[in-house]
PDB file of all heavy atoms in Angstrom:
ATOM      1  N   GLU A   1      95.229 106.679 112.093  1.00  0.00           N
ATOM      2  CA  GLU A   1      95.739 105.585 111.278  1.00  0.00           C
ATOM      3  C   GLU A   1      95.951 105.976 109.817  1.00  0.00           C
ATOM      4  O   GLU A   1      96.511 105.192 109.043  1.00  0.00           O
ATOM      5  CB  GLU A   1      94.762 104.401 111.344  1.00  0.00           C
ATOM      6  CG  GLU A   1      94.487 103.903 112.752  1.00  0.00           C
ATOM      7  CD  GLU A   1      93.330 102.923 112.797  1.00  0.00           C
ATOM      8  OE1 GLU A   1      92.825 102.570 111.708  1.00  0.00           O
ATOM      9  OE2 GLU A   1      92.931 102.518 113.909  1.00  0.00           O
ATOM     10  N   LEU A   2      95.502 107.187 109.437  1.00  0.00           N
ATOM     11  CA  LEU A   2      95.532 107.571 108.025  1.00  0.00           C
ATOM     12  C   LEU A   2      95.762 109.062 107.913  1.00  0.00           C
ATOM     13  O   LEU A   2      95.175 109.855 108.651  1.00  0.00           O
ATOM     14  CB  LEU A   2      94.196 107.190 107.369  1.00  0.00           C
ATOM     15  CG  LEU A   2      94.061 107.370 105.858  1.00  0.00           C
ATOM     16  CD1 LEU A   2      95.020 106.433 105.120  1.00  0.00           C
ATOM     17  CD2 LEU A   2      92.618 107.087 105.431  1.00  0.00           C
ATOM     18  N   ASP A   3      96.657 109.441 106.984  1.00  0.00           N
ATOM     19  CA  ASP A   3      96.882 110.855 106.693  1.00  0.00           C
ATOM     20  C   ASP A   3      97.274 110.994 105.232  1.00  0.00           C
ATOM     21  O   ASP A   3      97.245 110.007 104.472  1.00  0.00           O
ATOM     22  CB  ASP A   3      97.947 111.458 107.612  1.00  0.00           C
ATOM     23  CG  ASP A   3      99.293 110.744 107.529  1.00  0.00           C
ATOM     24  OD1 ASP A   3      99.547 110.034 106.534  1.00  0.00           O
ATOM     25  OD2 ASP A   3     100.092 110.886 108.468  1.00  0.00           O
ATOM     26  N   ALA A   4      97.642 112.219 104.815  1.00  0.00           N
ATOM     27  CA  ALA A   4      97.963 112.461 103.413  1.00  0.00           C
ATOM     28  C   ALA A   4      99.168 111.655 102.952  1.00  0.00           C
ATOM     29  O   ALA A   4      99.269 111.265 101.778  1.00  0.00           O
ATOM     30  CB  ALA A   4      98.190 113.953 103.181  1.00  0.00           C
ATOM     31  N   ASP A   5     100.103 111.389 103.854  1.00  0.00           N
ATOM     32  CA  ASP A   5     101.298 110.634 103.487  1.00  0.00           C
ATOM     33  C   ASP A   5     101.014 109.156 103.295  1.00  0.00           C
ATOM     34  O   ASP A   5     101.652 108.491 102.467  1.00  0.00           O
ATOM     35  CB  ASP A   5     102.380 110.818 104.558  1.00  0.00           C
ATOM     36  CG  ASP A   5     102.919 112.234 104.622  1.00  0.00           C
ATOM     37  OD1 ASP A   5     102.922 112.905 103.565  1.00  0.00           O
ATOM     38  OD2 ASP A   5     103.316 112.672 105.719  1.00  0.00           O
ATOM     39  N   SER A   6     100.069 108.628 104.067  1.00  0.00           N
ATOM     40  CA  SER A   6      99.805 107.180 104.006  1.00  0.00           C
ATOM     41  C   SER A   6      98.631 106.816 103.101  1.00  0.00           C
ATOM     42  O   SER A   6      98.408 105.638 102.825  1.00  0.00           O
ATOM     43  CB  SER A   6      99.547 106.643 105.422  1.00  0.00           C
ATOM     44  OG  SER A   6      98.437 107.298 106.022  1.00  0.00           O
ATOM     45  N   ALA A   7      97.866 107.803 102.652  1.00  0.00           N
ATOM     46  CA  ALA A   7      96.733 107.517 101.770  1.00  0.00           C
ATOM     47  C   ALA A   7      97.234 107.002 100.424  1.00  0.00           C
ATOM     48  O   ALA A   7      98.061 107.630  99.768  1.00  0.00           O
ATOM     49  CB  ALA A   7      95.895 108.771 101.576  1.00  0.00           C
ATOM     50  N   GLY A   8      96.729 105.835 100.028  1.00  0.00           N
ATOM     51  CA  GLY A   8      97.169 105.213  98.785  1.00  0.00           C
ATOM     52  C   GLY A   8      96.131 105.285  97.683  1.00  0.00           C
ATOM     53  O   GLY A   8      95.140 106.023  97.779  1.00  0.00           O
ATOM     54  N   GLU A   9      96.335 104.500  96.639  1.00  0.00           N
ATOM     55  CA  GLU A   9      95.446 104.524  95.481  1.00  0.00           C
ATOM     56  C   GLU A   9      94.012 104.160  95.845  1.00  0.00           C
ATOM     57  O   GLU A   9      93.065 104.749  95.330  1.00  0.00           O
ATOM     58  CB  GLU A   9      95.973 103.590  94.396  1.00  0.00           C
ATOM     59  CG  GLU A   9      97.284 104.047  93.757  1.00  0.00           C
ATOM     60  CD  GLU A   9      97.702 103.134  92.620  1.00  0.00           C
ATOM     61  OE1 GLU A   9      96.947 102.166  92.334  1.00  0.00           O
ATOM     62  OE2 GLU A   9      98.776 103.369  92.027  1.00  0.00           O
ATOM     63  N   ASP A  10      93.831 103.178  96.710  1.00  0.00           N
ATOM     64  CA  ASP A  10      92.474 102.746  97.071  1.00  0.00           C
ATOM     65  C   ASP A  10      91.725 103.862  97.804  1.00  0.00           C
ATOM     66  O   ASP A  10      90.537 104.109  97.521  1.00  0.00           O
ATOM     67  CB  ASP A  10      92.534 101.502  97.958  1.00  0.00           C
ATOM     68  CG  ASP A  10      92.988 100.265  97.199  1.00  0.00           C
ATOM     69  OD1 ASP A  10      92.951 100.297  95.949  1.00  0.00           O
ATOM     70  OD2 ASP A  10      93.386  99.286  97.854  1.00  0.00           O
ATOM     71  N   GLU A  11      92.401 104.516  98.746  1.00  0.00           N
ATOM     72  CA  GLU A  11      91.754 105.597  99.493  1.00  0.00           C
ATOM     73  C   GLU A  11      91.409 106.772  98.574  1.00  0.00           C
ATOM     74  O   GLU A  11      90.301 107.324  98.641  1.00  0.00           O
ATOM     75  CB  GLU A  11      92.665 106.072 100.629  1.00  0.00           C
ATOM     76  CG  GLU A  11      92.792 105.110 101.795  1.00  0.00           C
ATOM     77  CD  GLU A  11      93.785 103.987 101.529  1.00  0.00           C
ATOM     78  OE1 GLU A  11      94.482 104.056 100.492  1.00  0.00           O
ATOM     79  OE2 GLU A  11      93.861 103.058 102.346  1.00  0.00           O
ATOM     80  N   LEU A  12      92.345 107.138  97.709  1.00  0.00           N
ATOM     81  CA  LEU A  12      92.087 108.252  96.796  1.00  0.00           C
ATOM     82  C   LEU A  12      91.020 107.896  95.767  1.00  0.00           C
ATOM     83  O   LEU A  12      90.249 108.762  95.344  1.00  0.00           O
ATOM     84  CB  LEU A  12      93.384 108.668  96.098  1.00  0.00           C
ATOM     85  CG  LEU A  12      94.464 109.245  97.026  1.00  0.00           C
ATOM     86  CD1 LEU A  12      95.697 109.618  96.226  1.00  0.00           C
ATOM     87  CD2 LEU A  12      93.939 110.458  97.788  1.00  0.00           C
ATOM     88  N   ALA A  13      90.946 106.627  95.386  1.00  0.00           N
ATOM     89  CA  ALA A  13      89.890 106.197  94.457  1.00  0.00           C
ATOM     90  C   ALA A  13      88.513 106.353  95.090  1.00  0.00           C
ATOM     91  O   ALA A  13      87.542 106.740  94.422  1.00  0.00           O
ATOM     92  CB  ALA A  13      90.134 104.748  94.038  1.00  0.00           C
ATOM     93  N   THR A  14      88.417 106.061  96.400  1.00  0.00           N
ATOM     94  CA  THR A  14      87.150 106.260  97.108  1.00  0.00           C
ATOM     95  C   THR A  14      86.771 107.735  97.117  1.00  0.00           C
ATOM     96  O   THR A  14      85.606 108.097  96.880  1.00  0.00           O
ATOM     97  CB  THR A  14      87.262 105.742  98.557  1.00  0.00           C
ATOM     98  OG1 THR A  14      87.458 104.330  98.542  1.00  0.00           O
ATOM     99  CG2 THR A  14      86.003 106.065  99.351  1.00  0.00           C
ATOM    100  N   LEU A  15      87.752 108.607  97.368  1.00  0.00           N
ATOM    101  CA  LEU A  15      87.482 110.042  97.368  1.00  0.00           C
ATOM    102  C   LEU A  15      87.088 110.530  95.982  1.00  0.00           C
ATOM    103  O   LEU A  15      86.217 111.404  95.854  1.00  0.00           O
ATOM    104  CB  LEU A  15      88.706 110.805  97.882  1.00  0.00           C
ATOM    105  CG  LEU A  15      89.103 110.544  99.334  1.00  0.00           C
ATOM    106  CD1 LEU A  15      90.286 111.415  99.725  1.00  0.00           C
ATOM    107  CD2 LEU A  15      87.934 110.780 100.281  1.00  0.00           C
ATOM    108  N   ASP A  16      87.701 109.991  94.942  1.00  0.00           N
ATOM    109  CA  ASP A  16      87.338 110.376  93.575  1.00  0.00           C
ATOM    110  C   ASP A  16      85.901 109.965  93.262  1.00  0.00           C
ATOM    111  O   ASP A  16      85.135 110.723  92.654  1.00  0.00           O
ATOM    112  CB  ASP A  16      88.285 109.728  92.568  1.00  0.00           C
ATOM    113  CG  ASP A  16      89.677 110.347  92.583  1.00  0.00           C
ATOM    114  OD1 ASP A  16      89.818 111.493  93.066  1.00  0.00           O
ATOM    115  OD2 ASP A  16      90.618 109.689  92.094  1.00  0.00           O
ATOM    116  N   GLU A  17      85.533 108.765  93.675  1.00  0.00           N
ATOM    117  CA  GLU A  17      84.159 108.290  93.480  1.00  0.00           C
ATOM    118  C   GLU A  17      83.179 109.182  94.229  1.00  0.00           C
ATOM    119  O   GLU A  17      82.091 109.508  93.725  1.00  0.00           O
ATOM    120  CB  GLU A  17      84.038 106.843  93.953  1.00  0.00           C
ATOM    121  CG  GLU A  17      82.637 106.261  93.774  1.00  0.00           C
ATOM    122  CD  GLU A  17      82.508 104.862  94.359  1.00  0.00           C
ATOM    123  OE1 GLU A  17      83.519 104.319  94.866  1.00  0.00           O
ATOM    124  OE2 GLU A  17      81.384 104.305  94.323  1.00  0.00           O
ATOM    125  N   PHE A  18      83.568 109.580  95.418  1.00  0.00           N
ATOM    126  CA  PHE A  18      82.729 110.458  96.229  1.00  0.00           C
ATOM    127  C   PHE A  18      82.529 111.810  95.542  1.00  0.00           C
ATOM    128  O   PHE A  18      81.406 112.331  95.475  1.00  0.00           O
ATOM    129  CB  PHE A  18      83.379 110.636  97.595  1.00  0.00           C
ATOM    130  CG  PHE A  18      82.746 111.680  98.453  1.00  0.00           C
ATOM    131  CD1 PHE A  18      81.526 111.447  99.086  1.00  0.00           C
ATOM    132  CD2 PHE A  18      83.353 112.917  98.637  1.00  0.00           C
ATOM    133  CE1 PHE A  18      80.934 112.416  99.876  1.00  0.00           C
ATOM    134  CE2 PHE A  18      82.773 113.887  99.423  1.00  0.00           C
ATOM    135  CZ  PHE A  18      81.561 113.643 100.046  1.00  0.00           C
ATOM    136  N   LEU A  19      83.593 112.400  95.012  1.00  0.00           N
ATOM    137  CA  LEU A  19      83.485 113.691  94.323  1.00  0.00           C
ATOM    138  C   LEU A  19      82.601 113.578  93.089  1.00  0.00           C
ATOM    139  O   LEU A  19      81.813 114.484  92.790  1.00  0.00           O
ATOM    140  CB  LEU A  19      84.872 114.196  93.939  1.00  0.00           C
ATOM    141  CG  LEU A  19      85.780 114.635  95.093  1.00  0.00           C
ATOM    142  CD1 LEU A  19      87.175 114.957  94.580  1.00  0.00           C
ATOM    143  CD2 LEU A  19      85.191 115.837  95.821  1.00  0.00           C
ATOM    144  N   ASP A  20      82.717 112.476  92.366  1.00  0.00           N
ATOM    145  CA  ASP A  20      81.867 112.259  91.186  1.00  0.00           C
ATOM    146  C   ASP A  20      80.394 112.205  91.590  1.00  0.00           C
ATOM    147  O   ASP A  20      79.522 112.751  90.892  1.00  0.00           O
ATOM    148  CB  ASP A  20      82.257 110.963  90.475  1.00  0.00           C
ATOM    149  CG  ASP A  20      83.601 111.061  89.764  1.00  0.00           C
ATOM    150  OD1 ASP A  20      84.067 112.193  89.529  1.00  0.00           O
ATOM    151  OD2 ASP A  20      84.178 109.996  89.448  1.00  0.00           O
ATOM    152  N   ALA A  21      80.113 111.548  92.720  1.00  0.00           N
ATOM    153  CA  ALA A  21      78.731 111.447  93.187  1.00  0.00           C
ATOM    154  C   ALA A  21      78.199 112.810  93.613  1.00  0.00           C
ATOM    155  O   ALA A  21      77.027 113.134  93.379  1.00  0.00           O
ATOM    156  CB  ALA A  21      78.649 110.460  94.349  1.00  0.00           C
ATOM    157  N   LEU A  22      79.048 113.643  94.217  1.00  0.00           N
ATOM    158  CA  LEU A  22      78.648 115.003  94.573  1.00  0.00           C
ATOM    159  C   LEU A  22      78.306 115.817  93.321  1.00  0.00           C
ATOM    160  O   LEU A  22      77.275 116.486  93.261  1.00  0.00           O
ATOM    161  CB  LEU A  22      79.773 115.703  95.337  1.00  0.00           C
ATOM    162  CG  LEU A  22      79.868 115.545  96.848  1.00  0.00           C
ATOM    163  CD1 LEU A  22      81.101 116.279  97.366  1.00  0.00           C
ATOM    164  CD2 LEU A  22      78.614 116.052  97.548  1.00  0.00           C
ATOM    165  N   GLU A  23      79.189 115.764  92.344  1.00  0.00           N
ATOM    166  CA  GLU A  23      78.972 116.556  91.138  1.00  0.00           C
ATOM    167  C   GLU A  23      77.733 116.105  90.375  1.00  0.00           C
ATOM    168  O   GLU A  23      77.047 116.919  89.752  1.00  0.00           O
ATOM    169  CB  GLU A  23      80.208 116.483  90.242  1.00  0.00           C
ATOM    170  CG  GLU A  23      81.419 117.174  90.834  1.00  0.00           C
ATOM    171  CD  GLU A  23      82.504 117.448  89.810  1.00  0.00           C
ATOM    172  OE1 GLU A  23      82.296 117.156  88.617  1.00  0.00           O
ATOM    173  OE2 GLU A  23      83.569 117.958  90.212  1.00  0.00           O
ATOM    174  N   ALA A  24      77.437 114.817  90.432  1.00  0.00           N
ATOM    175  CA  ALA A  24      76.247 114.288  89.754  1.00  0.00           C
ATOM    176  C   ALA A  24      74.968 114.563  90.531  1.00  0.00           C
ATOM    177  O   ALA A  24      73.868 114.340  90.019  1.00  0.00           O
ATOM    178  CB  ALA A  24      76.404 112.787  89.531  1.00  0.00           C
ATOM    179  N   GLY A  25      75.098 115.051  91.763  1.00  0.00           N
ATOM    180  CA  GLY A  25      73.923 115.295  92.589  1.00  0.00           C
ATOM    181  C   GLY A  25      73.358 114.037  93.208  1.00  0.00           C
ATOM    182  O   GLY A  25      72.234 114.038  93.730  1.00  0.00           O
TER     183      GLY A  25
END
């Protein structure tokens, strides 16, 4: 139901939040 072409701002915002949490430990 989801791939790189269909991923929108909300999905990418979740991934950005996830990366921030990884970097913060």
